Amino acid sequence: MGKELMPANPQAVSPSRVTKIAVFRGIKIRKIICNNEWFFSVIDVVAALTGSENPRDYWYKMKIRVKTEEGAELSTFCRQLKLESSDGKRYETDCANTEAMFRIIQSIPSPKAEPFKLWLAKVKHPKGFVENKGVAKRGGNVAGVAREKLEQETGGKVVSHQNYLAKPQDKRLKAK
């Protein structure tokens, strides 16, 4: 059931090497970009929602409970991605994308679940350079295709020395 939520071939995925931190109500949630989408540490989310002293143990027992009660294996929603730990080393950690994380959150009885879902929906849409690289590439491809089509229709170059705009002069004030 959960396999459609994840990339078809996780070995072909080349995750970003940088672990980012998001903060929900003062609790750090590690996240990483993989295949141009955010994946969040399941253990960190479990800790944030349950306040458990041992979120790894909680996650382990939760997977068993859900499998017994619902027949669903929550591990199928996850990918093992290397995230930086508090000791500075990188370890394989259960991570889930936003859609899969919503499914996992459904199995956690917590009054923080609804506020967390709202928070997760906001952090799902990154605003940094790395996060928008794919969008920029698609935009560049669209512009390139449009330019080529226009050149075919007109029979001439769209960008030439005649219509080239020179770089504007630097209008900043120079220190004396």
C-alpha atoms as a PDB file:
ATOM      1  CA  MET A   1       0.000   0.000   0.000  1.00  0.00           C
ATOM      2  CA  GLY A   2       2.699   2.521   0.965  1.00  0.00           C
ATOM      3  CA  LYS A   3       5.058   1.749  -1.871  1.00  0.00           C
ATOM      4  CA  GLU A   4       3.276   4.122  -4.240  1.00  0.00           C
ATOM      5  CA  LEU A   5       4.146   6.953  -1.853  1.00  0.00           C
ATOM      6  CA  MET A   6       7.900   6.463  -2.293  1.00  0.00           C
ATOM      7  CA  PRO A   7      10.270   6.621  -5.264  1.00  0.00           C
ATOM      8  CA  ALA A   8      10.141   3.379  -7.279  1.00  0.00           C
ATOM      9  CA  ASN A   9      13.843   2.625  -6.902  1.00  0.00           C
ATOM     10  CA  PRO A  10      15.293   3.989  -3.649  1.00  0.00           C
ATOM     11  CA  GLN A  11      18.819   2.945  -4.674  1.00  0.00           C
ATOM     12  CA  ALA A  12      18.593   5.259  -7.711  1.00  0.00           C
ATOM     13  CA  VAL A  13      17.770   8.182  -5.427  1.00  0.00           C
ATOM     14  CA  SER A  14      20.655  10.515  -4.717  1.00  0.00           C
ATOM     15  CA  PRO A  15      19.738  12.392  -1.543  1.00  0.00           C
ATOM     16  CA  SER A  16      21.151  15.754  -0.684  1.00  0.00           C
ATOM     17  CA  ARG A  17      24.140  15.462   1.618  1.00  0.00           C
ATOM     18  CA  VAL A  18      22.904  18.253   3.850  1.00  0.00           C
ATOM     19  CA  THR A  19      20.645  17.535   6.799  1.00  0.00           C
ATOM     20  CA  LYS A  20      18.419  20.518   7.519  1.00  0.00           C
ATOM     21  CA  ILE A  21      16.571  21.240  10.734  1.00  0.00           C
ATOM     22  CA  ALA A  22      12.976  22.362  11.053  1.00  0.00           C
ATOM     23  CA  VAL A  23      11.534  23.290  14.436  1.00  0.00           C
ATOM     24  CA  PHE A  24       8.068  22.366  15.693  1.00  0.00           C
ATOM     25  CA  ARG A  25       7.203  23.893  19.060  1.00  0.00           C
ATOM     26  CA  GLY A  26      10.848  23.990  20.092  1.00  0.00           C
ATOM     27  CA  ILE A  27      11.609  20.411  18.988  1.00  0.00           C
ATOM     28  CA  LYS A  28      14.095  19.851  16.174  1.00  0.00           C
ATOM     29  CA  ILE A  29      12.947  17.747  13.237  1.00  0.00           C
ATOM     30  CA  ARG A  30      15.702  16.626  10.854  1.00  0.00           C
ATOM     31  CA  LYS A  31      14.835  16.711   7.161  1.00  0.00           C
ATOM     32  CA  ILE A  32      16.628  16.052   3.905  1.00  0.00           C
ATOM     33  CA  ILE A  33      15.865  16.525   0.219  1.00  0.00           C
ATOM     34  CA  CYS A  34      15.642  13.351  -1.821  1.00  0.00           C
ATOM     35  CA  ASN A  35      14.341  13.312  -5.414  1.00  0.00           C
ATOM     36  CA  ASN A  36      13.378  16.991  -5.083  1.00  0.00           C
ATOM     37  CA  GLU A  37      11.102  16.447  -2.097  1.00  0.00           C
ATOM     38  CA  TRP A  38      11.518  16.707   1.641  1.00  0.00           C
ATOM     39  CA  PHE A  39      11.872  13.593   3.792  1.00  0.00           C
ATOM     40  CA  PHE A  40      11.511  13.945   7.573  1.00  0.00           C
ATOM     41  CA  SER A  41      13.005  11.828  10.344  1.00  0.00           C
ATOM     42  CA  VAL A  42      10.246   9.576  11.695  1.00  0.00           C
ATOM     43  CA  ILE A  43      11.989   9.309  15.076  1.00  0.00           C
ATOM     44  CA  ASP A  44      12.084  13.112  15.415  1.00  0.00           C
ATOM     45  CA  VAL A  45       8.386  13.378  14.546  1.00  0.00           C
ATOM     46  CA  VAL A  46       7.500  10.633  17.037  1.00  0.00           C
ATOM     47  CA  ALA A  47       9.487  12.503  19.713  1.00  0.00           C
ATOM     48  CA  ALA A  48       7.734  15.775  18.880  1.00  0.00           C
ATOM     49  CA  LEU A  49       4.246  14.265  19.006  1.00  0.00           C
ATOM     50  CA  THR A  50       4.585  11.898  21.960  1.00  0.00           C
ATOM     51  CA  GLY A  51       7.181  13.463  24.226  1.00  0.00           C
ATOM     52  CA  SER A  52       8.523   9.926  24.654  1.00  0.00           C
ATOM     53  CA  GLU A  53      11.803   9.448  26.510  1.00  0.00           C
ATOM     54  CA  ASN A  54      12.718   6.807  23.932  1.00  0.00           C
ATOM     55  CA  PRO A  55      11.150   7.665  20.550  1.00  0.00           C
ATOM     56  CA  ARG A  56      12.987   4.785  18.805  1.00  0.00           C
ATOM     57  CA  ASP A  57      11.314   2.286  21.113  1.00  0.00           C
ATOM     58  CA  TYR A  58       7.946   4.034  20.660  1.00  0.00           C
ATOM     59  CA  TRP A  59       8.336   3.828  16.847  1.00  0.00           C
ATOM     60  CA  TYR A  60       9.297   0.133  17.041  1.00  0.00           C
ATOM     61  CA  LYS A  61       6.271  -0.752  19.218  1.00  0.00           C
ATOM     62  CA  MET A  62       3.979   1.445  17.129  1.00  0.00           C
ATOM     63  CA  LYS A  63       4.932  -0.450  13.948  1.00  0.00           C
ATOM     64  CA  ILE A  64       4.068  -3.746  15.668  1.00  0.00           C
ATOM     65  CA  ARG A  65       0.753  -2.374  17.018  1.00  0.00           C
ATOM     66  CA  VAL A  66      -0.358  -0.989  13.641  1.00  0.00           C
ATOM     67  CA  LYS A  67       0.588  -4.202  11.846  1.00  0.00           C
ATOM     68  CA  THR A  68      -1.432  -6.241  14.364  1.00  0.00           C
ATOM     69  CA  GLU A  69      -4.472  -3.924  14.454  1.00  0.00           C
ATOM     70  CA  GLU A  70      -4.646  -2.674  10.858  1.00  0.00           C
ATOM     71  CA  GLY A  71      -2.476  -5.072   8.906  1.00  0.00           C
ATOM     72  CA  ALA A  72      -0.435  -2.138   7.585  1.00  0.00           C
ATOM     73  CA  GLU A  73       3.347  -2.099   7.720  1.00  0.00           C
ATOM     74  CA  LEU A  74       4.407   1.460   8.458  1.00  0.00           C
ATOM     75  CA  SER A  75       7.987   0.672   7.430  1.00  0.00           C
ATOM     76  CA  THR A  76       6.821   0.453   3.817  1.00  0.00           C
ATOM     77  CA  PHE A  77       6.127   4.192   3.982  1.00  0.00           C
ATOM     78  CA  CYS A  78       9.741   4.908   4.937  1.00  0.00           C
ATOM     79  CA  ARG A  79      13.154   5.091   3.334  1.00  0.00           C
ATOM     80  CA  GLN A  80      16.450   4.707   5.126  1.00  0.00           C
ATOM     81  CA  LEU A  81      18.339   7.944   4.474  1.00  0.00           C
ATOM     82  CA  LYS A  82      21.538   9.106   6.113  1.00  0.00           C
ATOM     83  CA  LEU A  83      20.897  11.998   8.482  1.00  0.00           C
ATOM     84  CA  GLU A  84      23.358  13.761  10.702  1.00  0.00           C
ATOM     85  CA  SER A  85      23.031  12.744  14.337  1.00  0.00           C
ATOM     86  CA  SER A  86      23.767  14.721  17.485  1.00  0.00           C
ATOM     87  CA  ASP A  87      27.283  13.194  17.513  1.00  0.00           C
ATOM     88  CA  GLY A  88      27.971  14.753  14.091  1.00  0.00           C
ATOM     89  CA  LYS A  89      28.035  11.388  12.284  1.00  0.00           C
ATOM     90  CA  ARG A  90      25.580  10.344   9.580  1.00  0.00           C
ATOM     91  CA  TYR A  91      23.379   7.302  10.224  1.00  0.00           C
ATOM     92  CA  GLU A  92      20.663   5.607   8.193  1.00  0.00           C
ATOM     93  CA  THR A  93      17.375   6.743   9.670  1.00  0.00           C
ATOM     94  CA  ASP A  94      13.739   5.970   8.901  1.00  0.00           C
ATOM     95  CA  CYS A  95      12.485   8.957   6.900  1.00  0.00           C
ATOM     96  CA  ALA A  96       9.159   9.637   5.234  1.00  0.00           C
ATOM     97  CA  ASN A  97       8.031  12.189   2.685  1.00  0.00           C
ATOM     98  CA  THR A  98       5.172  14.522   3.558  1.00  0.00           C
ATOM     99  CA  GLU A  99       2.401  12.281   2.257  1.00  0.00           C
ATOM    100  CA  ALA A 100       3.731   9.203   4.054  1.00  0.00           C
ATOM    101  CA  MET A 101       4.308  11.232   7.216  1.00  0.00           C
ATOM    102  CA  PHE A 102       0.623  12.190   7.267  1.00  0.00           C
ATOM    103  CA  ARG A 103      -0.216   8.456   7.239  1.00  0.00           C
ATOM    104  CA  ILE A 104       2.221   7.735  10.083  1.00  0.00           C
ATOM    105  CA  ILE A 105       0.856  10.636  12.151  1.00  0.00           C
ATOM    106  CA  GLN A 106      -2.637   9.096  11.909  1.00  0.00           C
ATOM    107  CA  SER A 107      -1.352   6.208  14.042  1.00  0.00           C
ATOM    108  CA  ILE A 108      -0.035   8.437  16.832  1.00  0.00           C
ATOM    109  CA  PRO A 109      -2.643   9.340  19.445  1.00  0.00           C
ATOM    110  CA  SER A 110      -1.532  12.844  20.322  1.00  0.00           C
ATOM    111  CA  PRO A 111      -3.213  16.211  20.861  1.00  0.00           C
ATOM    112  CA  LYS A 112      -0.272  17.687  18.917  1.00  0.00           C
ATOM    113  CA  ALA A 113      -1.140  15.708  15.766  1.00  0.00           C
ATOM    114  CA  GLU A 114      -3.433  18.324  14.161  1.00  0.00           C
ATOM    115  CA  PRO A 115      -1.131  21.314  14.836  1.00  0.00           C
ATOM    116  CA  PHE A 116       1.763  19.208  13.540  1.00  0.00           C
ATOM    117  CA  LYS A 117      -0.094  18.429  10.304  1.00  0.00           C
ATOM    118  CA  LEU A 118      -0.641  22.150   9.727  1.00  0.00           C
ATOM    119  CA  TRP A 119       3.030  22.846  10.463  1.00  0.00           C
ATOM    120  CA  LEU A 120       4.120  20.023   8.144  1.00  0.00           C
ATOM    121  CA  ALA A 121       2.013  21.401   5.305  1.00  0.00           C
ATOM    122  CA  LYS A 122       3.834  24.750   5.684  1.00  0.00           C
ATOM    123  CA  VAL A 123       7.381  23.347   5.787  1.00  0.00           C
ATOM    124  CA  LYS A 124       6.578  21.054   2.851  1.00  0.00           C
ATOM    125  CA  HIS A 125       7.025  23.993   0.493  1.00  0.00           C
ATOM    126  CA  PRO A 126      10.679  25.003   0.768  1.00  0.00           C
ATOM    127  CA  LYS A 127      11.812  28.431  -0.338  1.00  0.00           C
ATOM    128  CA  GLY A 128      15.594  28.073  -0.675  1.00  0.00           C
ATOM    129  CA  PHE A 129      17.817  27.849  -3.729  1.00  0.00           C
ATOM    130  CA  VAL A 130      18.458  24.100  -3.552  1.00  0.00           C
ATOM    131  CA  GLU A 131      14.774  23.376  -3.037  1.00  0.00           C
ATOM    132  CA  ASN A 132      13.737  25.468  -6.048  1.00  0.00           C
ATOM    133  CA  LYS A 133      16.433  24.200  -8.408  1.00  0.00           C
ATOM    134  CA  GLY A 134      14.038  21.740 -10.068  1.00  0.00           C
ATOM    135  CA  VAL A 135      11.401  24.422 -10.583  1.00  0.00           C
ATOM    136  CA  ALA A 136      14.006  26.774 -12.039  1.00  0.00           C
ATOM    137  CA  LYS A 137      15.200  24.069 -14.424  1.00  0.00           C
ATOM    138  CA  ARG A 138      11.665  23.406 -15.641  1.00  0.00           C
ATOM    139  CA  GLY A 139      11.128  27.150 -16.112  1.00  0.00           C
ATOM    140  CA  GLY A 140      14.354  27.408 -18.080  1.00  0.00           C
ATOM    141  CA  ASN A 141      13.320  24.476 -20.251  1.00  0.00           C
ATOM    142  CA  VAL A 142       9.924  26.083 -20.936  1.00  0.00           C
ATOM    143  CA  ALA A 143      11.609  29.362 -21.899  1.00  0.00           C
ATOM    144  CA  GLY A 144      14.107  27.546 -24.128  1.00  0.00           C
ATOM    145  CA  VAL A 145      11.384  25.632 -25.945  1.00  0.00           C
ATOM    146  CA  ALA A 146       9.338  28.828 -26.409  1.00  0.00           C
ATOM    147  CA  ARG A 147      12.391  30.650 -27.808  1.00  0.00           C
ATOM    148  CA  GLU A 148      13.155  27.815 -30.251  1.00  0.00           C
ATOM    149  CA  LYS A 149       9.526  27.702 -31.407  1.00  0.00           C
ATOM    150  CA  LEU A 150       9.480  31.465 -31.965  1.00  0.00           C
ATOM    151  CA  GLU A 151      12.743  31.259 -33.928  1.00  0.00           C
ATOM    152  CA  GLN A 152      11.261  28.535 -36.149  1.00  0.00           C
ATOM    153  CA  GLU A 153       8.107  30.577 -36.755  1.00  0.00           C
ATOM    154  CA  THR A 154       9.955  33.831 -37.529  1.00  0.00           C
ATOM    155  CA  GLY A 155      12.918  32.272 -39.293  1.00  0.00           C
ATOM    156  CA  GLY A 156      15.358  34.415 -37.326  1.00  0.00           C
ATOM    157  CA  LYS A 157      17.207  34.551 -34.055  1.00  0.00           C
ATOM    158  CA  VAL A 158      15.294  35.877 -31.071  1.00  0.00           C
ATOM    159  CA  VAL A 159      18.462  36.805 -29.209  1.00  0.00           C
ATOM    160  CA  SER A 160      21.065  38.627 -31.286  1.00  0.00           C
ATOM    161  CA  HIS A 161      23.663  41.402 -31.016  1.00  0.00           C
ATOM    162  CA  GLN A 162      21.066  43.865 -32.323  1.00  0.00           C
ATOM    163  CA  ASN A 163      18.527  43.230 -29.540  1.00  0.00           C
ATOM    164  CA  TYR A 164      20.984  42.416 -26.775  1.00  0.00           C
ATOM    165  CA  LEU A 165      20.608  44.608 -23.688  1.00  0.00           C
ATOM    166  CA  ALA A 166      23.873  45.684 -22.147  1.00  0.00           C
ATOM    167  CA  LYS A 167      24.371  45.138 -18.450  1.00  0.00           C
ATOM    168  CA  PRO A 168      23.095  48.204 -16.584  1.00  0.00           C
ATOM    169  CA  GLN A 169      25.626  50.488 -14.969  1.00  0.00           C
ATOM    170  CA  ASP A 170      26.287  49.863 -11.298  1.00  0.00           C
ATOM    171  CA  LYS A 171      24.268  52.611  -9.623  1.00  0.00           C
ATOM    172  CA  ARG A 172      25.502  51.964  -6.104  1.00  0.00           C
ATOM    173  CA  LEU A 173      27.277  54.818  -4.405  1.00  0.00           C
ATOM    174  CA  LYS A 174      30.979  54.317  -4.097  1.00  0.00           C
ATOM    175  CA  ALA A 175      32.736  55.061  -0.834  1.00  0.00           C
ATOM    176  CA  LYS A 176      35.103  58.044  -0.985  1.00  0.00           C
END
